Protein backbone atom coordinates (compact mmCIF):
# COMPACT_ATOMS: atom_id res chain seq x y z
CA MET A 1 41.22 -94.73 79.37
CA ASP A 2 38.06 -93.50 81.08
CA THR A 3 40.08 -91.33 83.43
CA ILE A 4 42.09 -89.83 80.58
CA ASN A 5 38.94 -89.16 78.60
CA LEU A 6 37.27 -87.52 81.60
CA GLN A 7 40.32 -85.35 82.29
CA ILE A 8 40.55 -84.18 78.67
CA THR A 9 36.86 -83.39 78.61
CA SER A 10 36.96 -81.45 81.87
CA ARG A 11 40.07 -79.47 80.90
CA PHE A 12 38.77 -78.35 77.52
CA GLU A 13 35.04 -77.95 78.15
CA LYS A 14 35.35 -74.22 78.83
CA LEU A 15 37.62 -73.54 75.87
CA GLU A 16 34.73 -72.14 73.82
CA SER A 17 34.14 -69.46 76.46
CA PHE A 18 37.51 -67.90 75.54
CA LYS A 19 36.60 -67.34 71.90
CA PHE A 20 36.76 -63.58 72.55
CA LEU A 21 40.57 -63.84 72.53
CA GLU A 22 40.29 -63.90 68.71
CA LEU A 23 39.72 -60.16 68.97
CA LEU A 24 43.43 -59.78 69.72
CA ASP A 25 44.81 -62.21 67.14
CA SER A 26 47.13 -59.93 65.14
CA THR A 27 47.41 -62.41 62.26
CA LYS A 28 43.76 -61.61 61.43
CA PHE A 29 43.93 -57.82 61.85
CA SER A 30 44.38 -57.22 58.12
CA LYS A 31 41.03 -58.96 57.42
CA TYR A 32 39.06 -57.01 60.04
CA PRO A 33 39.18 -53.28 59.11
CA GLN A 34 36.05 -53.54 57.03
CA ARG A 35 32.97 -53.46 59.27
CA LYS A 36 31.45 -56.46 57.51
CA CYS A 37 34.48 -58.59 58.41
CA PHE A 38 34.54 -57.60 62.08
CA PRO A 39 34.64 -60.65 64.41
CA GLU A 40 31.17 -60.12 65.85
CA GLU A 41 31.00 -63.69 67.12
CA ALA A 42 34.09 -63.17 69.28
CA LEU A 43 32.72 -59.87 70.61
CA ASN A 44 29.37 -61.51 71.37
CA ASN A 45 31.25 -64.25 73.21
CA LEU A 46 32.75 -61.58 75.47
CA LYS A 47 29.32 -59.98 75.99
CA GLN A 48 27.85 -63.34 77.00
CA SER A 49 30.72 -64.23 79.32
CA ALA A 50 29.45 -64.39 82.88
CA GLU A 51 32.83 -63.43 84.35
CA TYR A 52 33.97 -60.62 82.06
CA HIS A 53 30.99 -58.92 80.41
CA ASP A 54 30.67 -56.28 83.15
CA LEU A 55 34.28 -55.19 82.71
CA PHE A 56 33.89 -53.71 79.24
CA ASP A 57 31.92 -51.04 77.42
CA ASP A 58 30.98 -53.07 74.33
CA VAL A 59 30.40 -50.16 71.96
CA LYS A 60 33.63 -48.43 72.94
CA LEU A 61 35.58 -51.68 72.70
CA LYS A 62 34.25 -52.37 69.21
CA ASN A 63 35.15 -48.86 68.02
CA GLU A 64 38.63 -49.08 69.51
CA LEU A 65 39.18 -52.46 67.87
CA ILE A 66 38.08 -51.15 64.47
CA VAL A 67 40.63 -48.32 64.77
CA LEU A 68 43.28 -50.77 65.99
CA TYR A 69 42.64 -53.16 63.10
CA SER A 70 42.94 -50.40 60.52
CA SER A 71 46.16 -49.01 62.01
CA SER A 72 49.31 -49.83 60.07
CA VAL A 73 51.29 -49.97 63.32
CA PHE A 74 49.27 -52.87 64.70
CA SER A 75 48.35 -54.76 61.54
CA ASN A 76 51.69 -56.31 60.56
CA GLY A 77 50.44 -59.74 61.70
CA LYS A 78 53.48 -60.57 63.79
CA LEU A 79 52.55 -58.96 67.10
CA GLN A 80 52.08 -61.02 70.20
CA LEU A 81 49.57 -59.97 72.83
CA ALA A 82 52.26 -58.46 75.05
CA ASP A 83 53.61 -56.53 72.04
CA ILE A 84 50.21 -54.95 71.44
CA LEU A 85 49.98 -53.86 75.06
CA ASN A 86 53.58 -52.58 75.03
CA LEU A 87 52.90 -50.56 71.87
CA ILE A 88 49.84 -48.99 73.45
CA HIS A 89 51.98 -47.96 76.42
CA LYS A 90 54.97 -46.92 74.30
CA LEU A 91 52.87 -44.73 72.00
CA ASP A 92 51.05 -43.36 75.07
CA ILE A 93 47.62 -44.06 73.61
CA GLY A 94 46.23 -45.87 76.64
CA ASP A 95 43.54 -43.21 77.11
CA SER A 96 42.34 -43.69 73.54
CA PHE A 97 42.46 -47.49 73.71
CA SER A 98 41.40 -48.03 77.32
CA GLU A 99 39.06 -50.94 76.54
CA VAL A 100 41.62 -52.69 74.32
CA GLU A 101 44.21 -52.16 77.03
CA LYS A 102 41.87 -53.81 79.57
CA LEU A 103 41.23 -56.71 77.19
CA CYS A 104 44.96 -57.24 76.62
CA THR A 105 45.64 -57.14 80.35
CA LEU A 106 42.84 -59.63 80.99
CA ALA A 107 44.10 -62.00 78.31
CA LEU A 108 47.66 -61.84 79.63
CA THR A 109 46.49 -62.90 83.09
CA PHE A 110 45.19 -66.24 81.84
CA PRO A 111 47.66 -69.00 82.69
CA SER A 112 48.72 -70.90 79.59
CA THR A 113 49.58 -74.01 81.58
CA THR A 114 48.93 -75.42 85.02
CA ALA A 115 52.59 -76.22 85.64
CA SER A 116 53.11 -73.30 88.04
CA VAL A 117 50.09 -74.33 90.11
CA GLU A 118 51.23 -77.94 90.23
CA ARG A 119 54.73 -76.80 91.17
CA SER A 120 53.26 -74.79 94.04
CA PHE A 121 51.38 -77.78 95.43
CA SER A 122 54.46 -79.95 95.05
CA ALA A 123 56.53 -77.43 97.00
CA LEU A 124 53.84 -77.18 99.65
CA LYS A 125 53.83 -80.97 100.00
CA ARG A 126 57.59 -80.96 100.62
CA ILE A 127 57.40 -78.13 103.14
CA LYS A 128 54.35 -79.18 105.12
CA THR A 129 55.49 -82.55 106.37
CA PHE A 130 54.04 -84.30 109.38
CA LEU A 131 56.85 -83.04 111.61
CA ARG A 132 56.27 -79.41 110.58
CA ASN A 133 52.52 -79.61 110.92
CA LYS A 134 52.47 -77.12 113.80
CA MET A 135 54.03 -74.15 111.97
CA SER A 136 52.12 -70.89 111.65
CA GLN A 137 50.31 -69.88 108.45
CA GLU A 138 52.66 -66.93 107.90
CA ARG A 139 55.77 -69.10 108.10
CA LEU A 140 54.21 -71.70 105.80
CA SER A 141 53.35 -68.98 103.26
CA ASN A 142 56.86 -67.54 103.38
CA LEU A 143 58.54 -70.93 103.00
CA SER A 144 56.21 -71.81 100.12
CA LEU A 145 57.02 -68.56 98.34
CA ILE A 146 60.75 -69.19 98.72
CA ALA A 147 60.41 -72.75 97.43
CA VAL A 148 58.28 -71.81 94.42
CA GLU A 149 60.36 -68.78 93.42
CA LYS A 150 63.77 -70.38 94.01
CA ASP A 151 64.88 -69.52 90.46
CA ILE A 152 64.52 -65.81 91.23
CA ILE A 153 66.43 -66.21 94.48
CA CYS A 154 69.24 -68.07 92.70
CA GLY A 155 69.34 -65.28 90.11
CA LEU A 156 69.68 -62.70 92.86
CA LYS A 157 72.56 -64.65 94.36
CA LEU A 158 74.35 -64.71 91.00
CA LYS A 159 73.86 -60.96 90.51
CA LYS A 160 75.32 -60.27 93.94
CA GLN A 161 78.54 -62.18 93.16
C-alpha cells in the first residue's frame, strides 16, 4: 500500500502546474467573454510556470484569448484542442492568434499517458539482450524504432498489397 500511495503522489504532484490548460477548455468559452469572468488564475499559472513562462507574451495571449472566447466559431463548447488548432489553420488566422496557436501546440505535445514510453522500454528490453549487447548505437536505435512503430509498418504492408 505504501508503494501505491507513493506512486500516486509522485504521479499527480505536478498536476496543479498544468492549470493553465483551462485556458483552452472550450466548454467554458461561453462564460469567459466578459473581462470579469476571464480565467486569470489559469493565466497566472502559465506566467508562474518555470518551463513555459518565457514562451509567451502574456498581454498578447490574454487579448487573443478574449477575442477567441467571444468568437461564435470557437464558442460552441464541443471543440477539442486539436479542433481549435485546426480551425486556426483552416481559417488562416495563425498570424492573428499566434500566442493561442503556440499554447495549443504546447498542450498537444503533453503525453496523456505513459503507455508509449513504457512500450518503448519494453521493446528495448526485448531487443537489447545479453547476446546482442555488442551492437552499435545506430543499429539499436533503428531496431527500437521498428519495434515500437510496428503498427505503422504493418499498415504500410497492407497498403502495398
